[in-house]
PDB file of all heavy atoms in Angstrom:
ATOM      1  N   LYS A   1    -195.635-202.809 -87.432  1.00  0.00           N
ATOM      2  CA  LYS A   1    -196.439-203.786 -88.176  1.00  0.00           C
ATOM      3  C   LYS A   1    -196.064-205.219 -87.819  1.00  0.00           C
ATOM      4  O   LYS A   1    -196.843-206.148 -88.093  1.00  0.00           O
ATOM      5  CB  LYS A   1    -196.293-203.532 -89.679  1.00  0.00           C
ATOM      6  CG  LYS A   1    -196.923-202.211 -90.099  1.00  0.00           C
ATOM      7  CD  LYS A   1    -196.733-201.918 -91.580  1.00  0.00           C
ATOM      8  CE  LYS A   1    -197.325-200.543 -91.912  1.00  0.00           C
ATOM      9  NZ  LYS A   1    -197.127-200.164 -93.323  1.00  0.00           N
ATOM     10  N   HIS A   2    -194.902-205.405 -87.208  1.00  0.00           N
ATOM     11  CA  HIS A   2    -194.529-206.750 -86.720  1.00  0.00           C
ATOM     12  C   HIS A   2    -195.115-207.014 -85.335  1.00  0.00           C
ATOM     13  O   HIS A   2    -194.813-208.067 -84.756  1.00  0.00           O
ATOM     14  CB  HIS A   2    -193.008-206.914 -86.701  1.00  0.00           C
ATOM     15  CG  HIS A   2    -192.247-205.797 -86.068  1.00  0.00           C
ATOM     16  ND1 HIS A   2    -192.793-204.913 -85.161  1.00  0.00           N
ATOM     17  CD2 HIS A   2    -190.948-205.404 -86.221  1.00  0.00           C
ATOM     18  CE1 HIS A   2    -191.877-204.042 -84.784  1.00  0.00           C
ATOM     19  NE2 HIS A   2    -190.739-204.318 -85.424  1.00  0.00           N
ATOM     20  N   THR A   3    -195.877-206.088 -84.814  1.00  0.00           N
ATOM     21  CA  THR A   3    -196.618-206.128 -83.537  1.00  0.00           C
ATOM     22  C   THR A   3    -195.763-205.724 -82.356  1.00  0.00           C
ATOM     23  O   THR A   3    -196.281-205.642 -81.234  1.00  0.00           O
ATOM     24  CB  THR A   3    -197.251-207.510 -83.233  1.00  0.00           C
ATOM     25  OG1 THR A   3    -196.268-208.456 -82.834  1.00  0.00           O
ATOM     26  CG2 THR A   3    -198.042-208.037 -84.429  1.00  0.00           C
ATOM     27  N   LEU A   4    -194.483-205.476 -82.509  1.00  0.00           N
ATOM     28  CA  LEU A   4    -193.617-205.065 -81.419  1.00  0.00           C
ATOM     29  C   LEU A   4    -193.639-203.551 -81.270  1.00  0.00           C
ATOM     30  O   LEU A   4    -194.007-202.817 -82.192  1.00  0.00           O
ATOM     31  CB  LEU A   4    -192.181-205.532 -81.669  1.00  0.00           C
ATOM     32  CG  LEU A   4    -192.010-207.035 -81.858  1.00  0.00           C
ATOM     33  CD1 LEU A   4    -190.581-207.343 -82.300  1.00  0.00           C
ATOM     34  CD2 LEU A   4    -192.350-207.799 -80.588  1.00  0.00           C
ATOM     35  N   ALA A   5    -193.226-203.070 -80.102  1.00  0.00           N
ATOM     36  CA  ALA A   5    -193.138-201.631 -79.871  1.00  0.00           C
ATOM     37  C   ALA A   5    -191.904-201.069 -80.567  1.00  0.00           C
ATOM     38  O   ALA A   5    -190.836-201.671 -80.547  1.00  0.00           O
ATOM     39  CB  ALA A   5    -193.081-201.342 -78.376  1.00  0.00           C
ATOM     40  N   LEU A   6    -192.080-199.893 -81.163  1.00  0.00           N
ATOM     41  CA  LEU A   6    -191.002-199.215 -81.881  1.00  0.00           C
ATOM     42  C   LEU A   6    -190.839-197.804 -81.375  1.00  0.00           C
ATOM     43  O   LEU A   6    -191.833-197.136 -81.033  1.00  0.00           O
ATOM     44  CB  LEU A   6    -191.322-199.132 -83.388  1.00  0.00           C
ATOM     45  CG  LEU A   6    -190.911-200.293 -84.280  1.00  0.00           C
ATOM     46  CD1 LEU A   6    -191.523-200.115 -85.654  1.00  0.00           C
ATOM     47  CD2 LEU A   6    -189.394-200.385 -84.392  1.00  0.00           C
ATOM     48  N   HIS A   7    -189.585-197.340 -81.323  1.00  0.00           N
ATOM     49  CA  HIS A   7    -189.296-195.975 -80.905  1.00  0.00           C
ATOM     50  C   HIS A   7    -188.326-195.364 -81.893  1.00  0.00           C
ATOM     51  O   HIS A   7    -187.388-196.032 -82.336  1.00  0.00           O
ATOM     52  CB  HIS A   7    -188.707-195.958 -79.486  1.00  0.00           C
ATOM     53  CG  HIS A   7    -188.685-194.613 -78.842  1.00  0.00           C
ATOM     54  ND1 HIS A   7    -187.768-193.646 -79.181  1.00  0.00           N
ATOM     55  CD2 HIS A   7    -189.472-194.069 -77.879  1.00  0.00           C
ATOM     56  CE1 HIS A   7    -187.978-192.563 -78.457  1.00  0.00           C
ATOM     57  NE2 HIS A   7    -189.018-192.777 -77.659  1.00  0.00           N
ATOM     58  N   ARG A   8    -188.548-194.086 -82.207  1.00  0.00           N
ATOM     59  CA  ARG A   8    -187.676-193.417 -83.196  1.00  0.00           C
ATOM     60  C   ARG A   8    -186.218-193.437 -82.795  1.00  0.00           C
ATOM     61  O   ARG A   8    -185.328-193.542 -83.647  1.00  0.00           O
ATOM     62  CB  ARG A   8    -188.108-191.953 -83.357  1.00  0.00           C
ATOM     63  CG  ARG A   8    -189.453-191.738 -84.017  1.00  0.00           C
ATOM     64  CD  ARG A   8    -189.809-190.260 -84.076  1.00  0.00           C
ATOM     65  NE  ARG A   8    -188.929-189.544 -84.965  1.00  0.00           N
ATOM     66  CZ  ARG A   8    -189.330-188.970 -86.109  1.00  0.00           C
ATOM     67  NH1 ARG A   8    -190.594-189.051 -86.478  1.00  0.00           N
ATOM     68  NH2 ARG A   8    -188.492-188.326 -86.885  1.00  0.00           N
ATOM     69  N   ASP A   9    -185.928-193.335 -81.505  1.00  0.00           N
ATOM     70  CA  ASP A   9    -184.547-193.231 -81.047  1.00  0.00           C
ATOM     71  C   ASP A   9    -183.974-194.552 -80.571  1.00  0.00           C
ATOM     72  O   ASP A   9    -182.819-194.611 -80.132  1.00  0.00           O
ATOM     73  CB  ASP A   9    -184.459-192.225 -79.898  1.00  0.00           C
ATOM     74  CG  ASP A   9    -184.895-190.830 -80.322  1.00  0.00           C
ATOM     75  OD1 ASP A   9    -184.671-190.475 -81.500  1.00  0.00           O
ATOM     76  OD2 ASP A   9    -185.487-190.112 -79.491  1.00  0.00           O
ATOM     77  N   ALA A  10    -184.760-195.644 -80.648  1.00  0.00           N
ATOM     78  CA  ALA A  10    -184.290-196.904 -80.087  1.00  0.00           C
ATOM     79  C   ALA A  10    -184.729-198.130 -80.864  1.00  0.00           C
ATOM     80  O   ALA A  10    -184.411-199.244 -80.470  1.00  0.00           O
ATOM     81  CB  ALA A  10    -184.754-197.028 -78.623  1.00  0.00           C
ATOM     82  N   GLY A  11    -185.439-197.961 -81.953  1.00  0.00           N
ATOM     83  CA  GLY A  11    -185.913-199.111 -82.691  1.00  0.00           C
ATOM     84  C   GLY A  11    -186.837-199.974 -81.841  1.00  0.00           C
ATOM     85  O   GLY A  11    -187.737-199.454 -81.177  1.00  0.00           O
ATOM     86  N   SER A  12    -186.578-201.286 -81.863  1.00  0.00           N
ATOM     87  CA  SER A  12    -187.415-202.209 -81.079  1.00  0.00           C
ATOM     88  C   SER A  12    -186.620-203.164 -80.211  1.00  0.00           C
ATOM     89  O   SER A  12    -187.181-204.051 -79.584  1.00  0.00           O
ATOM     90  CB  SER A  12    -188.299-203.042 -82.031  1.00  0.00           C
ATOM     91  OG  SER A  12    -187.478-203.828 -82.904  1.00  0.00           O
ATOM     92  N   MET A  13    -185.319-202.945 -80.129  1.00  0.00           N
ATOM     93  CA  MET A  13    -184.468-203.886 -79.395  1.00  0.00           C
ATOM     94  C   MET A  13    -184.455-203.542 -77.907  1.00  0.00           C
ATOM     95  O   MET A  13    -183.442-203.136 -77.337  1.00  0.00           O
ATOM     96  CB  MET A  13    -183.060-203.902 -79.980  1.00  0.00           C
ATOM     97  CG  MET A  13    -183.006-203.996 -81.486  1.00  0.00           C
ATOM     98  SD  MET A  13    -183.816-205.460 -82.178  1.00  0.00           S
ATOM     99  CE  MET A  13    -182.581-206.708 -81.851  1.00  0.00           C
ATOM    100  N   PHE A  14    -185.616-203.693 -77.295  1.00  0.00           N
ATOM    101  CA  PHE A  14    -185.700-203.414 -75.853  1.00  0.00           C
ATOM    102  C   PHE A  14    -186.780-204.300 -75.227  1.00  0.00           C
ATOM    103  O   PHE A  14    -187.680-204.789 -75.899  1.00  0.00           O
ATOM    104  CB  PHE A  14    -185.999-201.936 -75.574  1.00  0.00           C
ATOM    105  CG  PHE A  14    -187.179-201.375 -76.348  1.00  0.00           C
ATOM    106  CD1 PHE A  14    -188.492-201.612 -75.968  1.00  0.00           C
ATOM    107  CD2 PHE A  14    -186.964-200.557 -77.449  1.00  0.00           C
ATOM    108  CE1 PHE A  14    -189.568-201.080 -76.668  1.00  0.00           C
ATOM    109  CE2 PHE A  14    -188.029-200.010 -78.161  1.00  0.00           C
ATOM    110  CZ  PHE A  14    -189.337-200.283 -77.761  1.00  0.00           C
ATOM    111  N   PHE A  15    -186.614-204.523 -73.921  1.00  0.00           N
ATOM    112  CA  PHE A  15    -187.585-205.268 -73.135  1.00  0.00           C
ATOM    113  C   PHE A  15    -188.605-204.294 -72.542  1.00  0.00           C
ATOM    114  O   PHE A  15    -188.311-203.112 -72.348  1.00  0.00           O
ATOM    115  CB  PHE A  15    -186.910-206.032 -71.999  1.00  0.00           C
ATOM    116  CG  PHE A  15    -185.878-207.024 -72.433  1.00  0.00           C
ATOM    117  CD1 PHE A  15    -184.566-206.962 -71.984  1.00  0.00           C
ATOM    118  CD2 PHE A  15    -186.209-208.046 -73.311  1.00  0.00           C
ATOM    119  CE1 PHE A  15    -183.620-207.886 -72.389  1.00  0.00           C
ATOM    120  CE2 PHE A  15    -185.274-208.970 -73.729  1.00  0.00           C
ATOM    121  CZ  PHE A  15    -183.968-208.889 -73.263  1.00  0.00           C
ATOM    122  N   LEU A  16    -189.764-204.845 -72.213  1.00  0.00           N
ATOM    123  CA  LEU A  16    -190.805-204.046 -71.549  1.00  0.00           C
ATOM    124  C   LEU A  16    -191.095-204.634 -70.175  1.00  0.00           C
ATOM    125  O   LEU A  16    -190.987-205.832 -69.955  1.00  0.00           O
ATOM    126  CB  LEU A  16    -192.094-204.052 -72.394  1.00  0.00           C
ATOM    127  CG  LEU A  16    -192.017-203.400 -73.776  1.00  0.00           C
ATOM    128  CD1 LEU A  16    -193.311-203.619 -74.529  1.00  0.00           C
ATOM    129  CD2 LEU A  16    -191.672-201.933 -73.671  1.00  0.00           C
ATOM    130  N   GLY A  17    -191.482-203.744 -69.264  1.00  0.00           N
ATOM    131  CA  GLY A  17    -191.888-204.185 -67.931  1.00  0.00           C
ATOM    132  C   GLY A  17    -192.949-203.241 -67.408  1.00  0.00           C
ATOM    133  O   GLY A  17    -193.091-202.119 -67.901  1.00  0.00           O
ATOM    134  N   GLU A  18    -193.704-203.707 -66.430  1.00  0.00           N
ATOM    135  CA  GLU A  18    -194.824-202.912 -65.911  1.00  0.00           C
ATOM    136  C   GLU A  18    -194.920-202.978 -64.396  1.00  0.00           C
ATOM    137  O   GLU A  18    -194.560-203.997 -63.793  1.00  0.00           O
ATOM    138  CB  GLU A  18    -196.163-203.424 -66.480  1.00  0.00           C
ATOM    139  CG  GLU A  18    -196.276-203.382 -67.981  1.00  0.00           C
ATOM    140  CD  GLU A  18    -195.549-204.525 -68.644  1.00  0.00           C
ATOM    141  OE1 GLU A  18    -195.533-205.645 -68.074  1.00  0.00           O
ATOM    142  OE2 GLU A  18    -194.966-204.320 -69.749  1.00  0.00           O
ATOM    143  N   ILE A  19    -195.413-201.898 -63.825  1.00  0.00           N
ATOM    144  CA  ILE A  19    -195.756-201.849 -62.412  1.00  0.00           C
ATOM    145  C   ILE A  19    -197.221-201.434 -62.317  1.00  0.00           C
ATOM    146  O   ILE A  19    -197.584-200.321 -62.695  1.00  0.00           O
ATOM    147  CB  ILE A  19    -194.892-200.827 -61.633  1.00  0.00           C
ATOM    148  CG1 ILE A  19    -193.408-201.176 -61.748  1.00  0.00           C
ATOM    149  CG2 ILE A  19    -195.331-200.784 -60.161  1.00  0.00           C
ATOM    150  CD1 ILE A  19    -192.483-200.064 -61.199  1.00  0.00           C
ATOM    151  N   TYR A  20    -198.066-202.365 -61.890  1.00  0.00           N
ATOM    152  CA  TYR A  20    -199.476-202.025 -61.656  1.00  0.00           C
ATOM    153  C   TYR A  20    -199.577-201.344 -60.282  1.00  0.00           C
ATOM    154  O   TYR A  20    -199.044-201.864 -59.288  1.00  0.00           O
ATOM    155  CB  TYR A  20    -200.324-203.292 -61.646  1.00  0.00           C
ATOM    156  CG  TYR A  20    -200.663-203.836 -63.021  1.00  0.00           C
ATOM    157  CD1 TYR A  20    -199.791-203.682 -64.100  1.00  0.00           C
ATOM    158  CD2 TYR A  20    -201.854-204.510 -63.257  1.00  0.00           C
ATOM    159  CE1 TYR A  20    -200.104-204.180 -65.351  1.00  0.00           C
ATOM    160  CE2 TYR A  20    -202.182-205.011 -64.509  1.00  0.00           C
ATOM    161  CZ  TYR A  20    -201.299-204.853 -65.548  1.00  0.00           C
ATOM    162  OH  TYR A  20    -201.596-205.348 -66.794  1.00  0.00           O
ATOM    163  N   THR A  21    -200.221-200.202 -60.244  1.00  0.00           N
ATOM    164  CA  THR A  21    -200.258-199.440 -59.005  1.00  0.00           C
ATOM    165  C   THR A  21    -201.617-198.802 -58.761  1.00  0.00           C
ATOM    166  O   THR A  21    -202.363-198.526 -59.709  1.00  0.00           O
ATOM    167  CB  THR A  21    -199.150-198.358 -59.000  1.00  0.00           C
ATOM    168  OG1 THR A  21    -199.188-197.650 -57.756  1.00  0.00           O
ATOM    169  CG2 THR A  21    -199.361-197.365 -60.144  1.00  0.00           C
ATOM    170  N   ASP A  22    -201.908-198.548 -57.481  1.00  0.00           N
ATOM    171  CA  ASP A  22    -203.139-197.840 -57.130  1.00  0.00           C
ATOM    172  C   ASP A  22    -202.880-196.347 -56.924  1.00  0.00           C
ATOM    173  O   ASP A  22    -203.758-195.608 -56.468  1.00  0.00           O
ATOM    174  CB  ASP A  22    -203.758-198.427 -55.843  1.00  0.00           C
ATOM    175  CG  ASP A  22    -202.783-198.435 -54.657  1.00  0.00           C
ATOM    176  OD1 ASP A  22    -201.723-197.795 -54.757  1.00  0.00           O
ATOM    177  OD2 ASP A  22    -203.104-199.088 -53.647  1.00  0.00           O
ATOM    178  N   LEU A  23    -201.687-195.890 -57.302  1.00  0.00           N
ATOM    179  CA  LEU A  23    -201.324-194.488 -57.178  1.00  0.00           C
ATOM    180  C   LEU A  23    -201.772-193.732 -58.443  1.00  0.00           C
ATOM    181  O   LEU A  23    -201.312-194.048 -59.546  1.00  0.00           O
ATOM    182  CB  LEU A  23    -199.818-194.343 -56.987  1.00  0.00           C
ATOM    183  CG  LEU A  23    -199.266-192.951 -56.723  1.00  0.00           C
ATOM    184  CD1 LEU A  23    -199.768-192.414 -55.378  1.00  0.00           C
ATOM    185  CD2 LEU A  23    -197.744-192.991 -56.740  1.00  0.00           C
ATOM    186  N   PRO A  24    -202.656-192.732 -58.359  1.00  0.00           N
ATOM    187  CA  PRO A  24    -203.195-192.064 -59.534  1.00  0.00           C
ATOM    188  C   PRO A  24    -202.233-191.032 -60.131  1.00  0.00           C
ATOM    189  O   PRO A  24    -202.484-189.812 -60.125  1.00  0.00           O
ATOM    190  CB  PRO A  24    -204.471-191.398 -59.017  1.00  0.00           C
ATOM    191  CG  PRO A  24    -204.161-191.111 -57.591  1.00  0.00           C
ATOM    192  CD  PRO A  24    -203.316-192.269 -57.105  1.00  0.00           C
ATOM    193  N   LEU A  25    -201.124-191.516 -60.649  1.00  0.00           N
ATOM    194  CA  LEU A  25    -200.141-190.647 -61.294  1.00  0.00           C
ATOM    195  C   LEU A  25    -200.703-190.074 -62.605  1.00  0.00           C
ATOM    196  O   LEU A  25    -201.572-190.676 -63.216  1.00  0.00           O
ATOM    197  CB  LEU A  25    -198.881-191.463 -61.600  1.00  0.00           C
ATOM    198  CG  LEU A  25    -198.078-191.972 -60.405  1.00  0.00           C
ATOM    199  CD1 LEU A  25    -197.088-193.030 -60.872  1.00  0.00           C
ATOM    200  CD2 LEU A  25    -197.346-190.829 -59.711  1.00  0.00           C
ATOM    201  N   PRO A  26    -200.175-188.944 -63.052  1.00  0.00           N
ATOM    202  CA  PRO A  26    -200.588-188.445 -64.368  1.00  0.00           C
ATOM    203  C   PRO A  26    -199.985-189.322 -65.470  1.00  0.00           C
ATOM    204  O   PRO A  26    -198.889-189.858 -65.305  1.00  0.00           O
ATOM    205  CB  PRO A  26    -199.981-187.038 -64.404  1.00  0.00           C
ATOM    206  CG  PRO A  26    -198.823-187.103 -63.471  1.00  0.00           C
ATOM    207  CD  PRO A  26    -199.225-188.060 -62.378  1.00  0.00           C
ATOM    208  N   CYS A  27    -200.697-189.461 -66.554  1.00  0.00           N
ATOM    209  CA  CYS A  27    -200.235-190.293 -67.652  1.00  0.00           C
ATOM    210  C   CYS A  27    -199.255-189.531 -68.541  1.00  0.00           C
ATOM    211  O   CYS A  27    -199.369-188.304 -68.700  1.00  0.00           O
ATOM    212  CB  CYS A  27    -201.396-190.779 -68.492  1.00  0.00           C
ATOM    213  SG  CYS A  27    -202.554-191.818 -67.578  1.00  0.00           S
ATOM    214  N   THR A  28    -198.319-190.238 -69.110  1.00  0.00           N
ATOM    215  CA  THR A  28    -197.414-189.652 -70.073  1.00  0.00           C
ATOM    216  C   THR A  28    -198.019-189.757 -71.475  1.00  0.00           C
ATOM    217  O   THR A  28    -198.858-190.614 -71.741  1.00  0.00           O
ATOM    218  CB  THR A  28    -196.041-190.349 -70.036  1.00  0.00           C
ATOM    219  OG1 THR A  28    -196.242-191.778 -70.070  1.00  0.00           O
ATOM    220  CG2 THR A  28    -195.303-190.010 -68.744  1.00  0.00           C
ATOM    221  N   GLU A  29    -197.597-188.874 -72.362  1.00  0.00           N
ATOM    222  CA  GLU A  29    -198.229-188.746 -73.671  1.00  0.00           C
ATOM    223  C   GLU A  29    -197.801-189.865 -74.630  1.00  0.00           C
ATOM    224  O   GLU A  29    -196.628-190.225 -74.688  1.00  0.00           O
ATOM    225  CB  GLU A  29    -197.880-187.402 -74.304  1.00  0.00           C
ATOM    226  CG  GLU A  29    -198.482-186.211 -73.596  1.00  0.00           C
ATOM    227  CD  GLU A  29    -200.004-186.214 -73.727  1.00  0.00           C
ATOM    228  OE1 GLU A  29    -200.513-186.556 -74.812  1.00  0.00           O
ATOM    229  OE2 GLU A  29    -200.686-185.867 -72.731  1.00  0.00           O
TER     230      GLU A  29
END
């Protein structure tokens, strides 16, 4: 609700990063 990403095992104290790619990998759930 604070707009940040939350995880059951890690809370929200983490950074995010991304790799944009043209490789059609399967998506994770």
